[in-house]
Amino acid sequence: PAAAPAAAIAAAAAAEQAMARDLAKLYHANFCRDPMRCSLREGCSIWKAAAVHLATCKTDQCEQRYCAPAKRALNHLRECRDDVCAVCAPVRFLRRRNKEKVRATNALTGLAVANRDGELLGVIKQLCSRVISLEKSNAMLEQSHAKLEGEYRAMQSTVLQQSLEASDDHKATLPSTPAE
């Protein structure tokens, strides 16, 4: 009986890890520009195809291999409100970081336009301020990410320890057989 809750906890943790991996692969596939040279190799192409399929798939009973897990992962990302969720926090971190990169790129584009208009100094000041803000934000995000990783590893260790203890308790309650 004690092993059942530990096994359920371990199964739930494994399901969360799988969903987090699926979400990360979908996110990567969305931004990867060259799947043939990608470090994920085959996985990138598969998840790119899954992303294209997801854009048009409207059925809940789809037969495509990656469709159902990908839909579950995306639904979780849309519905989850937990800032430290083990499933979607890493992707949320990447999304924020990419948005900041886009803003910085847009600021640089604005810099070129401002240079033509003679407003260079004001744009440079704004850009410097934004860079400082981004550095602070990035440091806070990295600290938060490291904290999440530590908490997740501690949770995994606890689950493993509980599973081992439950297994030991189960062995201790078994009747011993006489030696022959």
Protein backbone atom coordinates (compact mmCIF):
# COMPACT_ATOMS: atom_id res chain seq x y z
CA PRO A 1 0.00 0.00 0.00
CA ALA A 2 2.78 2.48 0.83
CA ALA A 3 4.48 1.75 -2.48
CA ALA A 4 1.37 2.74 -4.44
CA PRO A 5 1.52 6.48 -3.54
CA ALA A 6 5.27 6.55 -4.18
CA ALA A 7 4.76 4.87 -7.55
CA ALA A 8 1.96 7.32 -8.40
CA ILE A 9 4.20 10.25 -7.46
CA ALA A 10 7.03 8.85 -9.57
CA ALA A 11 4.66 8.28 -12.51
CA ALA A 12 3.31 11.84 -12.22
CA ALA A 13 6.87 13.23 -12.13
CA ALA A 14 7.79 11.19 -15.22
CA ALA A 15 4.68 12.44 -17.04
CA GLU A 16 5.58 16.04 -16.14
CA GLN A 17 9.12 15.53 -17.43
CA ALA A 18 7.81 14.09 -20.70
CA MET A 19 5.40 17.00 -21.14
CA ALA A 20 8.18 19.50 -20.37
CA ARG A 21 10.41 17.83 -23.00
CA ASP A 22 7.59 17.90 -25.57
CA LEU A 23 6.96 21.57 -24.88
CA ALA A 24 10.65 22.42 -25.14
CA LYS A 25 10.96 20.53 -28.45
CA LEU A 26 7.90 22.29 -29.88
CA TYR A 27 9.28 25.65 -28.79
CA HIS A 28 12.66 24.84 -30.34
CA ALA A 29 11.08 23.63 -33.58
CA ASN A 30 9.13 26.86 -33.84
CA PHE A 31 12.33 28.92 -33.95
CA CYS A 32 14.89 26.57 -35.52
CA ARG A 33 15.79 27.85 -38.98
CA ASP A 34 17.84 24.90 -40.25
CA PRO A 35 16.60 21.48 -39.09
CA MET A 36 19.20 19.72 -41.27
CA ARG A 37 22.07 21.25 -39.26
CA CYS A 38 20.23 21.34 -35.96
CA SER A 39 21.76 19.68 -32.91
CA LEU A 40 18.46 17.82 -32.38
CA ARG A 41 18.79 16.37 -35.89
CA GLU A 42 15.81 14.09 -36.57
CA GLY A 43 13.90 15.31 -33.54
CA CYS A 44 13.82 18.85 -34.86
CA SER A 45 12.32 17.84 -38.19
CA ILE A 46 9.74 15.65 -36.47
CA TRP A 47 8.67 18.43 -34.11
CA LYS A 48 8.62 20.97 -36.96
CA ALA A 49 6.23 18.66 -38.80
CA ALA A 50 4.20 18.27 -35.60
CA ALA A 51 3.96 22.06 -35.25
CA VAL A 52 2.72 22.39 -38.84
CA HIS A 53 0.20 19.59 -38.25
CA LEU A 54 -1.02 21.19 -34.99
CA ALA A 55 -1.84 24.41 -36.81
CA THR A 56 -4.53 22.63 -38.82
CA CYS A 57 -5.56 19.62 -36.67
CA LYS A 58 -9.00 20.11 -35.16
CA THR A 59 -9.79 16.60 -33.90
CA ASP A 60 -9.37 15.20 -30.40
CA GLN A 61 -8.87 11.69 -31.78
CA CYS A 62 -5.94 12.37 -34.12
CA GLU A 63 -3.81 9.38 -35.10
CA GLN A 64 -0.59 11.35 -35.58
CA ARG A 65 2.07 10.13 -33.14
CA TYR A 66 3.03 13.51 -31.68
CA CYS A 67 -0.32 15.26 -31.96
CA ALA A 68 -1.96 14.30 -28.65
CA PRO A 69 1.13 14.84 -26.45
CA ALA A 70 1.86 18.15 -28.19
CA LYS A 71 -1.74 19.33 -27.72
CA ARG A 72 -1.60 18.41 -24.02
CA ALA A 73 1.67 20.32 -23.61
CA LEU A 74 0.36 23.40 -25.43
CA ASN A 75 -2.90 23.36 -23.46
CA HIS A 76 -0.90 23.16 -20.25
CA LEU A 77 1.22 26.14 -21.33
CA ARG A 78 -1.92 28.18 -22.10
CA GLU A 79 -3.77 27.28 -18.90
CA CYS A 80 -1.01 27.07 -16.26
CA ARG A 81 -0.65 30.05 -13.95
CA ASP A 82 2.12 28.61 -11.75
CA ASP A 83 5.29 30.71 -12.08
CA VAL A 84 7.48 27.84 -10.90
CA CYS A 85 5.78 25.02 -12.81
CA ALA A 86 8.25 22.26 -13.65
CA VAL A 87 6.50 21.68 -16.98
CA CYS A 88 6.22 25.14 -18.51
CA ALA A 89 8.51 27.47 -16.52
CA PRO A 90 11.57 26.67 -18.69
CA VAL A 91 9.67 27.52 -21.89
CA ARG A 92 8.19 30.65 -20.30
CA PHE A 93 11.77 31.66 -19.42
CA LEU A 94 12.87 31.14 -23.03
CA ARG A 95 9.87 33.09 -24.35
CA ARG A 96 10.67 36.07 -22.10
CA ARG A 97 14.33 35.96 -23.11
CA ASN A 98 13.46 35.87 -26.82
CA LYS A 99 11.00 38.76 -26.42
CA GLU A 100 13.77 40.79 -24.80
CA LYS A 101 16.10 39.96 -27.70
CA VAL A 102 13.45 41.12 -30.18
CA ARG A 103 13.01 44.37 -28.23
CA ALA A 104 16.77 44.93 -28.22
CA THR A 105 16.92 44.28 -31.98
CA ASN A 106 14.04 46.69 -32.53
CA ALA A 107 15.85 49.26 -30.42
CA LEU A 108 18.94 48.88 -32.62
CA THR A 109 16.77 49.31 -35.71
CA GLY A 110 15.36 52.44 -34.11
CA LEU A 111 18.93 53.59 -33.53
CA ALA A 112 19.69 53.50 -37.26
CA VAL A 113 16.53 55.46 -38.07
CA ALA A 114 17.24 57.97 -35.32
CA ASN A 115 20.77 58.46 -36.63
CA ARG A 116 19.34 59.67 -39.93
CA ASP A 117 16.99 62.00 -38.11
CA GLY A 118 19.66 63.47 -35.85
CA GLU A 119 18.20 62.02 -32.62
CA LEU A 120 21.09 59.68 -31.95
CA LEU A 121 21.95 60.77 -28.40
CA GLY A 122 18.45 60.26 -27.03
CA VAL A 123 18.17 56.83 -28.60
CA ILE A 124 21.59 55.83 -27.27
CA LYS A 125 20.54 56.82 -23.75
CA GLN A 126 17.32 54.82 -24.08
CA LEU A 127 19.21 51.85 -25.46
CA CYS A 128 21.76 51.92 -22.63
CA SER A 129 18.97 52.11 -20.10
CA ARG A 130 17.21 49.20 -21.77
CA VAL A 131 20.41 47.11 -21.84
CA ILE A 132 20.93 47.66 -18.11
CA SER A 133 17.32 46.71 -17.49
CA LEU A 134 17.70 43.59 -19.64
CA GLU A 135 20.84 42.55 -17.79
CA LYS A 136 19.08 42.87 -14.44
CA SER A 137 16.04 41.03 -15.75
CA ASN A 138 18.19 38.28 -17.23
CA ALA A 139 20.09 37.85 -13.96
CA MET A 140 16.81 37.56 -12.04
CA LEU A 141 15.46 35.04 -14.57
CA GLU A 142 18.64 32.97 -14.37
CA GLN A 143 18.43 32.95 -10.56
CA SER A 144 14.79 31.91 -10.75
CA HIS A 145 15.63 29.20 -13.27
CA ALA A 146 18.46 27.88 -11.08
CA LYS A 147 16.15 27.86 -8.07
CA LEU A 148 13.52 25.93 -10.05
CA GLU A 149 16.08 23.40 -11.18
CA GLY A 150 17.24 22.91 -7.58
CA GLU A 151 13.70 22.49 -6.31
CA TYR A 152 12.91 20.05 -9.11
CA ARG A 153 16.02 17.97 -8.38
CA ALA A 154 15.15 17.97 -4.67
CA MET A 155 11.63 16.79 -5.53
CA GLN A 156 13.02 14.01 -7.70
CA SER A 157 15.39 12.96 -4.91
CA THR A 158 12.53 12.94 -2.39
CA VAL A 159 10.34 10.85 -4.69
CA LEU A 160 13.17 8.40 -5.27
CA GLN A 161 13.91 8.23 -1.54
CA GLN A 162 10.23 7.65 -0.74
CA SER A 163 10.06 4.93 -3.38
CA LEU A 164 13.11 3.22 -1.91
CA GLU A 165 11.76 3.51 1.62
CA ALA A 166 8.39 2.14 0.53
CA SER A 167 10.17 -0.74 -1.18
CA ASP A 168 12.23 -1.44 1.97
CA ASP A 169 9.08 -1.27 4.13
CA HIS A 170 7.37 -3.72 1.80
CA LYS A 171 10.31 -6.14 1.99
CA ALA A 172 10.34 -5.92 5.79
CA THR A 173 6.69 -6.96 6.02
CA LEU A 174 7.13 -10.07 3.84
CA PRO A 175 7.22 -13.35 5.81
CA SER A 176 10.62 -14.95 5.83
CA THR A 177 10.97 -18.38 4.31
CA PRO A 178 12.86 -21.02 6.26
CA ALA A 179 16.27 -21.97 4.89
CA GLU A 180 16.41 -25.41 3.29
